[in-house]
PDB file of N, CA and C in Angstrom:
ATOM      1  N   MET A   1     -31.597 -66.204 -21.912  1.00  0.00           N
ATOM      2  CA  MET A   1     -31.780 -65.279 -20.811  1.00  0.00           C
ATOM      3  C   MET A   1     -32.005 -66.038 -19.506  1.00  0.00           C
ATOM      4  N   ARG A   2     -32.766 -67.125 -19.568  1.00  0.00           N
ATOM      5  CA  ARG A   2     -33.021 -67.921 -18.356  1.00  0.00           C
ATOM      6  C   ARG A   2     -31.716 -68.437 -17.756  1.00  0.00           C
ATOM      7  N   ASN A   3     -30.791 -68.862 -18.631  1.00  0.00           N
ATOM      8  CA  ASN A   3     -29.512 -69.362 -18.132  1.00  0.00           C
ATOM      9  C   ASN A   3     -28.745 -68.261 -17.418  1.00  0.00           C
ATOM     10  N   ASN A   4     -28.796 -67.052 -17.961  1.00  0.00           N
ATOM     11  CA  ASN A   4     -28.127 -65.925 -17.313  1.00  0.00           C
ATOM     12  C   ASN A   4     -28.758 -65.631 -15.964  1.00  0.00           C
ATOM     13  N   ILE A   5     -30.060 -65.689 -15.900  1.00  0.00           N
ATOM     14  CA  ILE A   5     -30.759 -65.417 -14.653  1.00  0.00           C
ATOM     15  C   ILE A   5     -30.420 -66.489 -13.630  1.00  0.00           C
ATOM     16  N   LEU A   6     -30.403 -67.744 -14.057  1.00  0.00           N
ATOM     17  CA  LEU A   6     -30.036 -68.820 -13.133  1.00  0.00           C
ATOM     18  C   LEU A   6     -28.607 -68.651 -12.647  1.00  0.00           C
ATOM     19  N   THR A   7     -27.712 -68.203 -13.514  1.00  0.00           N
ATOM     20  CA  THR A   7     -26.331 -67.964 -13.106  1.00  0.00           C
ATOM     21  C   THR A   7     -26.277 -66.874 -12.047  1.00  0.00           C
ATOM     22  N   VAL A   8     -27.012 -65.811 -12.263  1.00  0.00           N
ATOM     23  CA  VAL A   8     -27.054 -64.718 -11.289  1.00  0.00           C
ATOM     24  C   VAL A   8     -27.601 -65.218  -9.965  1.00  0.00           C
ATOM     25  N   ILE A   9     -28.636 -66.013 -10.013  1.00  0.00           N
ATOM     26  CA  ILE A   9     -29.233 -66.534  -8.791  1.00  0.00           C
ATOM     27  C   ILE A   9     -28.247 -67.448  -8.073  1.00  0.00           C
ATOM     28  N   ILE A  10     -27.501 -68.257  -8.822  1.00  0.00           N
ATOM     29  CA  ILE A  10     -26.492 -69.124  -8.207  1.00  0.00           C
ATOM     30  C   ILE A  10     -25.454 -68.285  -7.486  1.00  0.00           C
ATOM     31  N   ILE A  11     -25.038 -67.208  -8.122  1.00  0.00           N
ATOM     32  CA  ILE A  11     -24.058 -66.313  -7.493  1.00  0.00           C
ATOM     33  C   ILE A  11     -24.624 -65.735  -6.209  1.00  0.00           C
ATOM     34  N   LEU A  12     -25.872 -65.322  -6.250  1.00  0.00           N
ATOM     35  CA  LEU A  12     -26.499 -64.780  -5.043  1.00  0.00           C
ATOM     36  C   LEU A  12     -26.570 -65.824  -3.942  1.00  0.00           C
ATOM     37  N   VAL A  13     -26.876 -67.038  -4.317  1.00  0.00           N
ATOM     38  CA  VAL A  13     -26.956 -68.111  -3.325  1.00  0.00           C
ATOM     39  C   VAL A  13     -25.603 -68.329  -2.673  1.00  0.00           C
ATOM     40  N   CYS A  14     -24.566 -68.347  -3.480  1.00  0.00           N
ATOM     41  CA  CYS A  14     -23.223 -68.514  -2.916  1.00  0.00           C
ATOM     42  C   CYS A  14     -22.906 -67.384  -1.951  1.00  0.00           C
ATOM     43  N   ASN A  15     -23.317 -66.191  -2.324  1.00  0.00           N
ATOM     44  CA  ASN A  15     -23.069 -65.057  -1.444  1.00  0.00           C
ATOM     45  C   ASN A  15     -23.924 -65.125  -0.188  1.00  0.00           C
ATOM     46  N   ILE A  16     -25.114 -65.651  -0.311  1.00  0.00           N
ATOM     47  CA  ILE A  16     -25.964 -65.821   0.863  1.00  0.00           C
ATOM     48  C   ILE A  16     -25.299 -66.778   1.837  1.00  0.00           C
ATOM     49  N   SER A  17     -24.714 -67.841   1.314  1.00  0.00           N
ATOM     50  CA  SER A  17     -24.042 -68.785   2.208  1.00  0.00           C
ATOM     51  C   SER A  17     -22.865 -68.123   2.902  1.00  0.00           C
ATOM     52  N   THR A  18     -22.197 -67.234   2.211  1.00  0.00           N
ATOM     53  CA  THR A  18     -21.097 -66.504   2.825  1.00  0.00           C
ATOM     54  C   THR A  18     -21.619 -65.611   3.943  1.00  0.00           C
ATOM     55  N   PHE A  19     -22.728 -64.943   3.693  1.00  0.00           N
ATOM     56  CA  PHE A  19     -23.331 -64.122   4.740  1.00  0.00           C
ATOM     57  C   PHE A  19     -23.695 -64.976   5.944  1.00  0.00           C
ATOM     58  N   ALA A  20     -24.237 -66.142   5.691  1.00  0.00           N
ATOM     59  CA  ALA A  20     -24.618 -67.021   6.793  1.00  0.00           C
ATOM     60  C   ALA A  20     -23.397 -67.388   7.618  1.00  0.00           C
ATOM     61  N   GLN A  21     -22.282 -67.614   6.964  1.00  0.00           N
ATOM     62  CA  GLN A  21     -21.061 -67.945   7.671  1.00  0.00           C
ATOM     63  C   GLN A  21     -20.560 -66.773   8.497  1.00  0.00           C
ATOM     64  N   GLN A  22     -20.900 -65.560   8.111  1.00  0.00           N
ATOM     65  CA  GLN A  22     -20.505 -64.377   8.853  1.00  0.00           C
ATOM     66  C   GLN A  22     -21.531 -64.039   9.930  1.00  0.00           C
ATOM     67  N   LYS A  23     -22.418 -64.948  10.185  1.00  0.00           N
ATOM     68  CA  LYS A  23     -23.435 -64.820  11.222  1.00  0.00           C
ATOM     69  C   LYS A  23     -24.467 -63.745  10.934  1.00  0.00           C
ATOM     70  N   MET A  24     -24.612 -63.371   9.692  1.00  0.00           N
ATOM     71  CA  MET A  24     -25.670 -62.454   9.302  1.00  0.00           C
ATOM     72  C   MET A  24     -26.932 -63.290   9.161  1.00  0.00           C
ATOM     73  N   ASN A  25     -28.018 -62.852   9.745  1.00  0.00           N
ATOM     74  CA  ASN A  25     -29.222 -63.671   9.698  1.00  0.00           C
ATOM     75  C   ASN A  25     -30.000 -63.472   8.398  1.00  0.00           C
ATOM     76  N   ALA A  26     -30.955 -64.333   8.176  1.00  0.00           N
ATOM     77  CA  ALA A  26     -31.729 -64.319   6.934  1.00  0.00           C
ATOM     78  C   ALA A  26     -32.457 -63.000   6.738  1.00  0.00           C
ATOM     79  N   THR A  27     -32.951 -62.431   7.818  1.00  0.00           N
ATOM     80  CA  THR A  27     -33.667 -61.161   7.713  1.00  0.00           C
ATOM     81  C   THR A  27     -32.750 -60.053   7.217  1.00  0.00           C
ATOM     82  N   GLU A  28     -31.551 -59.992   7.733  1.00  0.00           N
ATOM     83  CA  GLU A  28     -30.598 -58.968   7.291  1.00  0.00           C
ATOM     84  C   GLU A  28     -30.221 -59.149   5.828  1.00  0.00           C
ATOM     85  N   MET A  29     -30.023 -60.394   5.424  1.00  0.00           N
ATOM     86  CA  MET A  29     -29.693 -60.665   4.025  1.00  0.00           C
ATOM     87  C   MET A  29     -30.846 -60.272   3.101  1.00  0.00           C
ATOM     88  N   ALA A  30     -32.046 -60.655   3.487  1.00  0.00           N
ATOM     89  CA  ALA A  30     -33.221 -60.341   2.668  1.00  0.00           C
ATOM     90  C   ALA A  30     -33.466 -58.835   2.619  1.00  0.00           C
ATOM     91  N   ASP A  31     -33.264 -58.166   3.747  1.00  0.00           N
ATOM     92  CA  ASP A  31     -33.428 -56.699   3.782  1.00  0.00           C
ATOM     93  C   ASP A  31     -32.458 -56.017   2.829  1.00  0.00           C
ATOM     94  N   TYR A  32     -31.217 -56.477   2.810  1.00  0.00           N
ATOM     95  CA  TYR A  32     -30.228 -55.889   1.909  1.00  0.00           C
ATOM     96  C   TYR A  32     -30.638 -56.096   0.450  1.00  0.00           C
ATOM     97  N   GLN A  33     -31.030 -57.323   0.117  1.00  0.00           N
ATOM     98  CA  GLN A  33     -31.456 -57.600  -1.252  1.00  0.00           C
ATOM     99  C   GLN A  33     -32.642 -56.722  -1.640  1.00  0.00           C
ATOM    100  N   THR A  34     -33.604 -56.611  -0.741  1.00  0.00           N
ATOM    101  CA  THR A  34     -34.798 -55.819  -1.022  1.00  0.00           C
ATOM    102  C   THR A  34     -34.442 -54.349  -1.208  1.00  0.00           C
ATOM    103  N   GLN A  35     -33.604 -53.830  -0.327  1.00  0.00           N
ATOM    104  CA  GLN A  35     -33.200 -52.425  -0.425  1.00  0.00           C
ATOM    105  C   GLN A  35     -32.558 -52.145  -1.783  1.00  0.00           C
ATOM    106  N   GLN A  36     -31.664 -53.017  -2.208  1.00  0.00           N
ATOM    107  CA  GLN A  36     -31.012 -52.831  -3.495  1.00  0.00           C
ATOM    108  C   GLN A  36     -32.006 -52.900  -4.646  1.00  0.00           C
ATOM    109  N   MET A  37     -32.920 -53.825  -4.570  1.00  0.00           N
ATOM    110  CA  MET A  37     -33.910 -53.968  -5.639  1.00  0.00           C
ATOM    111  C   MET A  37     -34.843 -52.768  -5.700  1.00  0.00           C
ATOM    112  N   VAL A  38     -35.268 -52.272  -4.550  1.00  0.00           N
ATOM    113  CA  VAL A  38     -36.149 -51.097  -4.514  1.00  0.00           C
ATOM    114  C   VAL A  38     -35.455 -49.901  -5.154  1.00  0.00           C
ATOM    115  N   GLU A  39     -34.214 -49.673  -4.758  1.00  0.00           N
ATOM    116  CA  GLU A  39     -33.473 -48.512  -5.267  1.00  0.00           C
ATOM    117  C   GLU A  39     -33.144 -48.635  -6.750  1.00  0.00           C
ATOM    118  N   GLU A  40     -32.633 -49.775  -7.143  1.00  0.00           N
ATOM    119  CA  GLU A  40     -32.139 -49.935  -8.506  1.00  0.00           C
ATOM    120  C   GLU A  40     -33.241 -50.197  -9.534  1.00  0.00           C
ATOM    121  N   LEU A  41     -34.323 -50.823  -9.108  1.00  0.00           N
ATOM    122  CA  LEU A  41     -35.391 -51.175 -10.045  1.00  0.00           C
ATOM    123  C   LEU A  41     -36.577 -50.225  -9.964  1.00  0.00           C
ATOM    124  N   ASN A  42     -36.473 -49.232  -9.080  1.00  0.00           N
ATOM    125  CA  ASN A  42     -37.564 -48.268  -8.894  1.00  0.00           C
ATOM    126  C   ASN A  42     -38.891 -48.970  -8.630  1.00  0.00           C
ATOM    127  N   LEU A  43     -38.871 -49.869  -7.669  1.00  0.00           N
ATOM    128  CA  LEU A  43     -40.092 -50.603  -7.354  1.00  0.00           C
ATOM    129  C   LEU A  43     -41.111 -49.679  -6.709  1.00  0.00           C
ATOM    130  N   ASN A  44     -42.379 -49.892  -7.058  1.00  0.00           N
ATOM    131  CA  ASN A  44     -43.425 -49.149  -6.376  1.00  0.00           C
ATOM    132  C   ASN A  44     -43.688 -49.823  -5.026  1.00  0.00           C
ATOM    133  N   LYS A  45     -44.540 -49.229  -4.220  1.00  0.00           N
ATOM    134  CA  LYS A  45     -44.768 -49.734  -2.867  1.00  0.00           C
ATOM    135  C   LYS A  45     -45.285 -51.173  -2.883  1.00  0.00           C
ATOM    136  N   GLU A  46     -46.217 -51.461  -3.758  1.00  0.00           N
ATOM    137  CA  GLU A  46     -46.783 -52.811  -3.835  1.00  0.00           C
ATOM    138  C   GLU A  46     -45.713 -53.828  -4.230  1.00  0.00           C
ATOM    139  N   GLN A  47     -44.889 -53.486  -5.233  1.00  0.00           N
ATOM    140  CA  GLN A  47     -43.817 -54.382  -5.648  1.00  0.00           C
ATOM    141  C   GLN A  47     -42.809 -54.582  -4.514  1.00  0.00           C
ATOM    142  N   ALA A  48     -42.450 -53.504  -3.841  1.00  0.00           N
ATOM    143  CA  ALA A  48     -41.471 -53.579  -2.757  1.00  0.00           C
ATOM    144  C   ALA A  48     -41.950 -54.514  -1.649  1.00  0.00           C
ATOM    145  N   GLU A  49     -43.216 -54.416  -1.308  1.00  0.00           N
ATOM    146  CA  GLU A  49     -43.761 -55.275  -0.259  1.00  0.00           C
ATOM    147  C   GLU A  49     -43.715 -56.745  -0.680  1.00  0.00           C
ATOM    148  N   LYS A  50     -44.069 -57.015  -1.922  1.00  0.00           N
ATOM    149  CA  LYS A  50     -44.054 -58.388  -2.413  1.00  0.00           C
ATOM    150  C   LYS A  50     -42.629 -58.929  -2.526  1.00  0.00           C
ATOM    151  N   VAL A  51     -41.713 -58.109  -3.018  1.00  0.00           N
ATOM    152  CA  VAL A  51     -40.317 -58.521  -3.151  1.00  0.00           C
ATOM    153  C   VAL A  51     -39.709 -58.788  -1.778  1.00  0.00           C
ATOM    154  N   GLU A  52     -40.065 -57.980  -0.805  1.00  0.00           N
ATOM    155  CA  GLU A  52     -39.559 -58.181   0.556  1.00  0.00           C
ATOM    156  C   GLU A  52     -39.963 -59.562   1.086  1.00  0.00           C
ATOM    157  N   VAL A  53     -41.213 -59.924   0.873  1.00  0.00           N
ATOM    158  CA  VAL A  53     -41.712 -61.228   1.316  1.00  0.00           C
ATOM    159  C   VAL A  53     -40.997 -62.355   0.562  1.00  0.00           C
ATOM    160  N   ILE A  54     -40.849 -62.195  -0.738  1.00  0.00           N
ATOM    161  CA  ILE A  54     -40.179 -63.208  -1.564  1.00  0.00           C
ATOM    162  C   ILE A  54     -38.730 -63.379  -1.117  1.00  0.00           C
ATOM    163  N   ASN A  55     -38.021 -62.272  -0.961  1.00  0.00           N
ATOM    164  CA  ASN A  55     -36.614 -62.358  -0.562  1.00  0.00           C
ATOM    165  C   ASN A  55     -36.448 -63.048   0.789  1.00  0.00           C
ATOM    166  N   LEU A  56     -37.281 -62.700   1.744  1.00  0.00           N
ATOM    167  CA  LEU A  56     -37.176 -63.315   3.062  1.00  0.00           C
ATOM    168  C   LEU A  56     -37.500 -64.809   2.995  1.00  0.00           C
ATOM    169  N   LYS A  57     -38.558 -65.136   2.290  1.00  0.00           N
ATOM    170  CA  LYS A  57     -38.977 -66.536   2.166  1.00  0.00           C
ATOM    171  C   LYS A  57     -37.856 -67.413   1.612  1.00  0.00           C
ATOM    172  N   TYR A  58     -37.271 -66.982   0.522  1.00  0.00           N
ATOM    173  CA  TYR A  58     -36.258 -67.808  -0.130  1.00  0.00           C
ATOM    174  C   TYR A  58     -34.892 -67.704   0.543  1.00  0.00           C
ATOM    175  N   THR A  59     -34.590 -66.590   1.162  1.00  0.00           N
ATOM    176  CA  THR A  59     -33.342 -66.482   1.906  1.00  0.00           C
ATOM    177  C   THR A  59     -33.384 -67.401   3.115  1.00  0.00           C
ATOM    178  N   GLU A  60     -34.516 -67.437   3.802  1.00  0.00           N
ATOM    179  CA  GLU A  60     -34.644 -68.342   4.949  1.00  0.00           C
ATOM    180  C   GLU A  60     -34.467 -69.794   4.516  1.00  0.00           C
ATOM    181  N   ARG A  61     -35.080 -70.161   3.406  1.00  0.00           N
ATOM    182  CA  ARG A  61     -34.943 -71.536   2.906  1.00  0.00           C
ATOM    183  C   ARG A  61     -33.493 -71.853   2.567  1.00  0.00           C
ATOM    184  N   MET A  62     -32.832 -70.897   1.941  1.00  0.00           N
ATOM    185  CA  MET A  62     -31.451 -71.126   1.532  1.00  0.00           C
ATOM    186  C   MET A  62     -30.535 -71.233   2.752  1.00  0.00           C
ATOM    187  N   VAL A  63     -30.754 -70.406   3.752  1.00  0.00           N
ATOM    188  CA  VAL A  63     -29.929 -70.464   4.961  1.00  0.00           C
ATOM    189  C   VAL A  63     -30.109 -71.804   5.665  1.00  0.00           C
ATOM    190  N   VAL A  64     -31.344 -72.267   5.773  1.00  0.00           N
ATOM    191  CA  VAL A  64     -31.594 -73.569   6.397  1.00  0.00           C
ATOM    192  C   VAL A  64     -30.863 -74.660   5.623  1.00  0.00           C
ATOM    193  N   LEU A  65     -30.940 -74.611   4.316  1.00  0.00           N
ATOM    194  CA  LEU A  65     -30.262 -75.607   3.490  1.00  0.00           C
ATOM    195  C   LEU A  65     -28.750 -75.536   3.672  1.00  0.00           C
ATOM    196  N   MET A  66     -28.204 -74.334   3.670  1.00  0.00           N
ATOM    197  CA  MET A  66     -26.753 -74.169   3.787  1.00  0.00           C
ATOM    198  C   MET A  66     -26.241 -74.640   5.141  1.00  0.00           C
ATOM    199  N   GLU A  67     -27.052 -74.497   6.167  1.00  0.00           N
ATOM    200  CA  GLU A  67     -26.640 -74.895   7.511  1.00  0.00           C
ATOM    201  C   GLU A  67     -26.879 -76.381   7.777  1.00  0.00           C
ATOM    202  N   ALA A  68     -27.602 -77.037   6.893  1.00  0.00           N
ATOM    203  CA  ALA A  68     -27.906 -78.459   7.068  1.00  0.00           C
ATOM    204  C   ALA A  68     -26.647 -79.297   6.845  1.00  0.00           C
ATOM    205  N   GLU A  69     -26.652 -80.460   7.464  1.00  0.00           N
ATOM    206  CA  GLU A  69     -25.544 -81.399   7.295  1.00  0.00           C
ATOM    207  C   GLU A  69     -25.471 -81.850   5.838  1.00  0.00           C
ATOM    208  N   GLY A  70     -24.271 -82.158   5.408  1.00  0.00           N
ATOM    209  CA  GLY A  70     -24.088 -82.686   4.065  1.00  0.00           C
ATOM    210  C   GLY A  70     -23.200 -81.801   3.222  1.00  0.00           C
ATOM    211  N   SER A  71     -22.773 -82.345   2.113  1.00  0.00           N
ATOM    212  CA  SER A  71     -21.866 -81.618   1.222  1.00  0.00           C
ATOM    213  C   SER A  71     -22.640 -80.633   0.357  1.00  0.00           C
ATOM    214  N   MET A  72     -21.928 -79.624  -0.110  1.00  0.00           N
ATOM    215  CA  MET A  72     -22.537 -78.651  -1.017  1.00  0.00           C
ATOM    216  C   MET A  72     -23.009 -79.347  -2.289  1.00  0.00           C
ATOM    217  N   PHE A  73     -22.236 -80.305  -2.753  1.00  0.00           N
ATOM    218  CA  PHE A  73     -22.592 -81.035  -3.970  1.00  0.00           C
ATOM    219  C   PHE A  73     -23.952 -81.700  -3.815  1.00  0.00           C
ATOM    220  N   GLY A  74     -24.196 -82.248  -2.643  1.00  0.00           N
ATOM    221  CA  GLY A  74     -25.458 -82.916  -2.389  1.00  0.00           C
ATOM    222  C   GLY A  74     -26.639 -81.973  -2.268  1.00  0.00           C
ATOM    223  N   LYS A  75     -26.352 -80.694  -2.117  1.00  0.00           N
ATOM    224  CA  LYS A  75     -27.412 -79.696  -1.934  1.00  0.00           C
ATOM    225  C   LYS A  75     -27.756 -78.955  -3.220  1.00  0.00           C
ATOM    226  N   ILE A  76     -27.022 -79.195  -4.270  1.00  0.00           N
ATOM    227  CA  ILE A  76     -27.202 -78.432  -5.507  1.00  0.00           C
ATOM    228  C   ILE A  76     -28.610 -78.531  -6.062  1.00  0.00           C
ATOM    229  N   GLY A  77     -29.181 -79.730  -6.067  1.00  0.00           N
ATOM    230  CA  GLY A  77     -30.537 -79.897  -6.599  1.00  0.00           C
ATOM    231  C   GLY A  77     -31.549 -79.069  -5.827  1.00  0.00           C
ATOM    232  N   GLU A  78     -31.468 -79.114  -4.504  1.00  0.00           N
ATOM    233  CA  GLU A  78     -32.382 -78.324  -3.679  1.00  0.00           C
ATOM    234  C   GLU A  78     -32.147 -76.834  -3.870  1.00  0.00           C
ATOM    235  N   MET A  79     -30.875 -76.431  -3.995  1.00  0.00           N
ATOM    236  CA  MET A  79     -30.561 -75.020  -4.219  1.00  0.00           C
ATOM    237  C   MET A  79     -31.196 -74.540  -5.518  1.00  0.00           C
ATOM    238  N   ASN A  80     -31.091 -75.351  -6.556  1.00  0.00           N
ATOM    239  CA  ASN A  80     -31.678 -74.982  -7.845  1.00  0.00           C
ATOM    240  C   ASN A  80     -33.195 -74.840  -7.748  1.00  0.00           C
ATOM    241  N   GLU A  81     -33.827 -75.737  -7.003  1.00  0.00           N
ATOM    242  CA  GLU A  81     -35.275 -75.647  -6.832  1.00  0.00           C
ATOM    243  C   GLU A  81     -35.671 -74.372  -6.091  1.00  0.00           C
ATOM    244  N   ILE A  82     -34.907 -74.012  -5.080  1.00  0.00           N
ATOM    245  CA  ILE A  82     -35.172 -72.780  -4.341  1.00  0.00           C
ATOM    246  C   ILE A  82     -35.016 -71.577  -5.261  1.00  0.00           C
ATOM    247  N   LYS A  83     -33.951 -71.569  -6.047  1.00  0.00           N
ATOM    248  CA  LYS A  83     -33.702 -70.450  -6.964  1.00  0.00           C
ATOM    249  C   LYS A  83     -34.806 -70.333  -8.015  1.00  0.00           C
ATOM    250  N   LYS A  84     -35.229 -71.465  -8.551  1.00  0.00           N
ATOM    251  CA  LYS A  84     -36.297 -71.455  -9.558  1.00  0.00           C
ATOM    252  C   LYS A  84     -37.596 -70.919  -8.958  1.00  0.00           C
ATOM    253  N   GLY A  85     -37.874 -71.330  -7.739  1.00  0.00           N
ATOM    254  CA  GLY A  85     -39.077 -70.855  -7.075  1.00  0.00           C
ATOM    255  C   GLY A  85     -39.052 -69.354  -6.864  1.00  0.00           C
ATOM    256  N   LYS A  86     -37.905 -68.840  -6.425  1.00  0.00           N
ATOM    257  CA  LYS A  86     -37.781 -67.396  -6.204  1.00  0.00           C
ATOM    258  C   LYS A  86     -37.946 -66.644  -7.512  1.00  0.00           C
ATOM    259  N   PHE A  87     -37.256 -67.101  -8.545  1.00  0.00           N
ATOM    260  CA  PHE A  87     -37.353 -66.407  -9.824  1.00  0.00           C
ATOM    261  C   PHE A  87     -38.775 -66.445 -10.362  1.00  0.00           C
ATOM    262  N   SER A  88     -39.431 -67.569 -10.201  1.00  0.00           N
ATOM    263  CA  SER A  88     -40.816 -67.704 -10.652  1.00  0.00           C
ATOM    264  C   SER A  88     -41.712 -66.669  -9.967  1.00  0.00           C
ATOM    265  N   GLU A  89     -41.499 -66.477  -8.685  1.00  0.00           N
ATOM    266  CA  GLU A  89     -42.296 -65.480  -7.966  1.00  0.00           C
ATOM    267  C   GLU A  89     -41.917 -64.060  -8.369  1.00  0.00           C
ATOM    268  N   LEU A  90     -40.632 -63.815  -8.599  1.00  0.00           N
ATOM    269  CA  LEU A  90     -40.210 -62.480  -9.037  1.00  0.00           C
ATOM    270  C   LEU A  90     -40.798 -62.142 -10.408  1.00  0.00           C
ATOM    271  N   GLU A  91     -40.925 -63.138 -11.266  1.00  0.00           N
ATOM    272  CA  GLU A  91     -41.512 -62.911 -12.591  1.00  0.00           C
ATOM    273  C   GLU A  91     -42.944 -62.389 -12.495  1.00  0.00           C
ATOM    274  N   LYS A  92     -43.644 -62.758 -11.439  1.00  0.00           N
ATOM    275  CA  LYS A  92     -45.028 -62.333 -11.254  1.00  0.00           C
ATOM    276  C   LYS A  92     -45.125 -60.912 -10.717  1.00  0.00           C
ATOM    277  N   VAL A  93     -44.037 -60.407 -10.162  1.00  0.00           N
ATOM    278  CA  VAL A  93     -44.048 -59.093  -9.513  1.00  0.00           C
ATOM    279  C   VAL A  93     -43.353 -58.025 -10.354  1.00  0.00           C
ATOM    280  N   LEU A  94     -42.259 -58.390 -10.983  1.00  0.00           N
ATOM    281  CA  LEU A  94     -41.453 -57.430 -11.735  1.00  0.00           C
ATOM    282  C   LEU A  94     -41.839 -57.425 -13.210  1.00  0.00           C
ATOM    283  N   SER A  95     -41.645 -56.269 -13.830  1.00  0.00           N
ATOM    284  CA  SER A  95     -41.845 -56.182 -15.277  1.00  0.00           C
ATOM    285  C   SER A  95     -40.661 -56.843 -15.975  1.00  0.00           C
ATOM    286  N   GLN A  96     -40.812 -57.088 -17.261  1.00  0.00           N
ATOM    287  CA  GLN A  96     -39.719 -57.688 -18.031  1.00  0.00           C
ATOM    288  C   GLN A  96     -38.486 -56.797 -17.971  1.00  0.00           C
ATOM    289  N   GLU A  97     -38.688 -55.509 -18.076  1.00  0.00           N
ATOM    290  CA  GLU A  97     -37.575 -54.554 -18.017  1.00  0.00           C
ATOM    291  C   GLU A  97     -36.873 -54.622 -16.654  1.00  0.00           C
ATOM    292  N   GLN A  98     -37.655 -54.709 -15.590  1.00  0.00           N
ATOM    293  CA  GLN A  98     -37.078 -54.810 -14.258  1.00  0.00           C
ATOM    294  C   GLN A  98     -36.320 -56.125 -14.081  1.00  0.00           C
ATOM    295  N   LEU A  99     -36.871 -57.214 -14.604  1.00  0.00           N
ATOM    296  CA  LEU A  99     -36.175 -58.505 -14.521  1.00  0.00           C
ATOM    297  C   LEU A  99     -34.829 -58.448 -15.229  1.00  0.00           C
ATOM    298  N   GLU A 100     -34.809 -57.835 -16.398  1.00  0.00           N
ATOM    299  CA  GLU A 100     -33.567 -57.724 -17.151  1.00  0.00           C
ATOM    300  C   GLU A 100     -32.550 -56.866 -16.409  1.00  0.00           C
ATOM    301  N   LYS A 101     -33.011 -55.751 -15.852  1.00  0.00           N
ATOM    302  CA  LYS A 101     -32.106 -54.890 -15.094  1.00  0.00           C
ATOM    303  C   LYS A 101     -31.611 -55.611 -13.840  1.00  0.00           C
ATOM    304  N   TYR A 102     -32.471 -56.371 -13.208  1.00  0.00           N
ATOM    305  CA  TYR A 102     -32.072 -57.155 -12.043  1.00  0.00           C
ATOM    306  C   TYR A 102     -30.939 -58.096 -12.418  1.00  0.00           C
ATOM    307  N   GLU A 103     -31.129 -58.787 -13.506  1.00  0.00           N
ATOM    308  CA  GLU A 103     -30.130 -59.757 -13.957  1.00  0.00           C
ATOM    309  C   GLU A 103     -28.827 -59.074 -14.368  1.00  0.00           C
ATOM    310  N   ASP A 104     -28.929 -57.976 -15.110  1.00  0.00           N
ATOM    311  CA  ASP A 104     -27.746 -57.334 -15.684  1.00  0.00           C
ATOM    312  C   ASP A 104     -27.015 -56.407 -14.716  1.00  0.00           C
ATOM    313  N   ASP A 105     -27.746 -55.726 -13.838  1.00  0.00           N
ATOM    314  CA  ASP A 105     -27.138 -54.688 -13.006  1.00  0.00           C
ATOM    315  C   ASP A 105     -27.225 -54.956 -11.507  1.00  0.00           C
ATOM    316  N   VAL A 106     -28.412 -55.245 -11.029  1.00  0.00           N
ATOM    317  CA  VAL A 106     -28.640 -55.327  -9.589  1.00  0.00           C
ATOM    318  C   VAL A 106     -27.932 -56.524  -8.972  1.00  0.00           C
ATOM    319  N   ALA A 107     -28.139 -57.690  -9.529  1.00  0.00           N
ATOM    320  CA  ALA A 107     -27.509 -58.896  -8.968  1.00  0.00           C
ATOM    321  C   ALA A 107     -25.982 -58.788  -8.955  1.00  0.00           C
ATOM    322  N   PRO A 108     -25.347 -58.306 -10.038  1.00  0.00           N
ATOM    323  CA  PRO A 108     -23.885 -58.140  -9.972  1.00  0.00           C
ATOM    324  C   PRO A 108     -23.446 -57.151  -8.887  1.00  0.00           C
ATOM    325  N   ASN A 109     -24.218 -56.085  -8.678  1.00  0.00           N
ATOM    326  CA  ASN A 109     -23.879 -55.117  -7.632  1.00  0.00           C
ATOM    327  C   ASN A 109     -23.999 -55.753  -6.248  1.00  0.00           C
ATOM    328  N   ILE A 110     -25.019 -56.549  -6.064  1.00  0.00           N
ATOM    329  CA  ILE A 110     -25.178 -57.252  -4.787  1.00  0.00           C
ATOM    330  C   ILE A 110     -23.992 -58.189  -4.592  1.00  0.00           C
ATOM    331  N   LYS A 111     -23.616 -58.873  -5.640  1.00  0.00           N
ATOM    332  CA  LYS A 111     -22.473 -59.796  -5.576  1.00  0.00           C
ATOM    333  C   LYS A 111     -21.206 -59.043  -5.165  1.00  0.00           C
ATOM    334  N   LYS A 112     -20.958 -57.889  -5.769  1.00  0.00           N
ATOM    335  CA  LYS A 112     -19.775 -57.097  -5.422  1.00  0.00           C
ATOM    336  C   LYS A 112     -19.793 -56.695  -3.948  1.00  0.00           C
ATOM    337  N   HIS A 113     -20.939 -56.270  -3.492  1.00  0.00           N
ATOM    338  CA  HIS A 113     -21.072 -55.860  -2.088  1.00  0.00           C
ATOM    339  C   HIS A 113     -20.786 -57.029  -1.151  1.00  0.00           C
ATOM    340  N   LEU A 114     -21.333 -58.158  -1.477  1.00  0.00           N
ATOM    341  CA  LEU A 114     -21.123 -59.327  -0.635  1.00  0.00           C
ATOM    342  C   LEU A 114     -19.675 -59.772  -0.624  1.00  0.00           C
ATOM    343  N   ARG A 115     -19.036 -59.708  -1.772  1.00  0.00           N
ATOM    344  CA  ARG A 115     -17.610 -60.060  -1.836  1.00  0.00           C
ATOM    345  C   ARG A 115     -16.781 -59.098  -0.995  1.00  0.00           C
ATOM    346  N   LYS A 116     -17.098 -57.823  -1.085  1.00  0.00           N
ATOM    347  CA  LYS A 116     -16.373 -56.816  -0.305  1.00  0.00           C
ATOM    348  C   LYS A 116     -16.509 -57.109   1.184  1.00  0.00           C
ATOM    349  N   ASN A 117     -17.701 -57.461   1.616  1.00  0.00           N
ATOM    350  CA  ASN A 117     -17.936 -57.752   3.023  1.00  0.00           C
ATOM    351  C   ASN A 117     -17.263 -59.045   3.456  1.00  0.00           C
ATOM    352  N   MET A 118     -17.056 -59.951   2.535  1.00  0.00           N
ATOM    353  CA  MET A 118     -16.386 -61.211   2.861  1.00  0.00           C
ATOM    354  C   MET A 118     -14.941 -60.958   3.289  1.00  0.00           C
ATOM    355  N   LYS A 119     -14.332 -59.921   2.765  1.00  0.00           N
ATOM    356  CA  LYS A 119     -12.924 -59.651   3.032  1.00  0.00           C
ATOM    357  C   LYS A 119     -12.709 -58.967   4.367  1.00  0.00           C
ATOM    358  N   MET A 120     -13.771 -58.620   5.050  1.00  0.00           N
ATOM    359  CA  MET A 120     -13.643 -57.905   6.310  1.00  0.00           C
ATOM    360  C   MET A 120     -13.141 -58.813   7.405  1.00  0.00           C
TER     361      MET A 120
END
């Protein structure tokens, strides 16, 4: 399951970099992720507030990394650390059922949305 979650997070990171290239800022990206998670995972107010902070924190880190000089290959280790940190924090906020739904349903839907926007 961890490998699947890491794969989903990698996909999200790739999509975040695409958003950054489209001049969408970290706040907009994090807001979109949070909105999808609130709706799809039925987050309560406390969870939504925590997820919003987590999404913004890690999206900002990822955008800074993506905009930094250097090859993508050279950034993979740092990207993985950012993803692990985000998932670790999400584990503290979401239930096991919510984590599974995030991995199976929410993240793929976010990926589809981001791909659709890439074609614009």
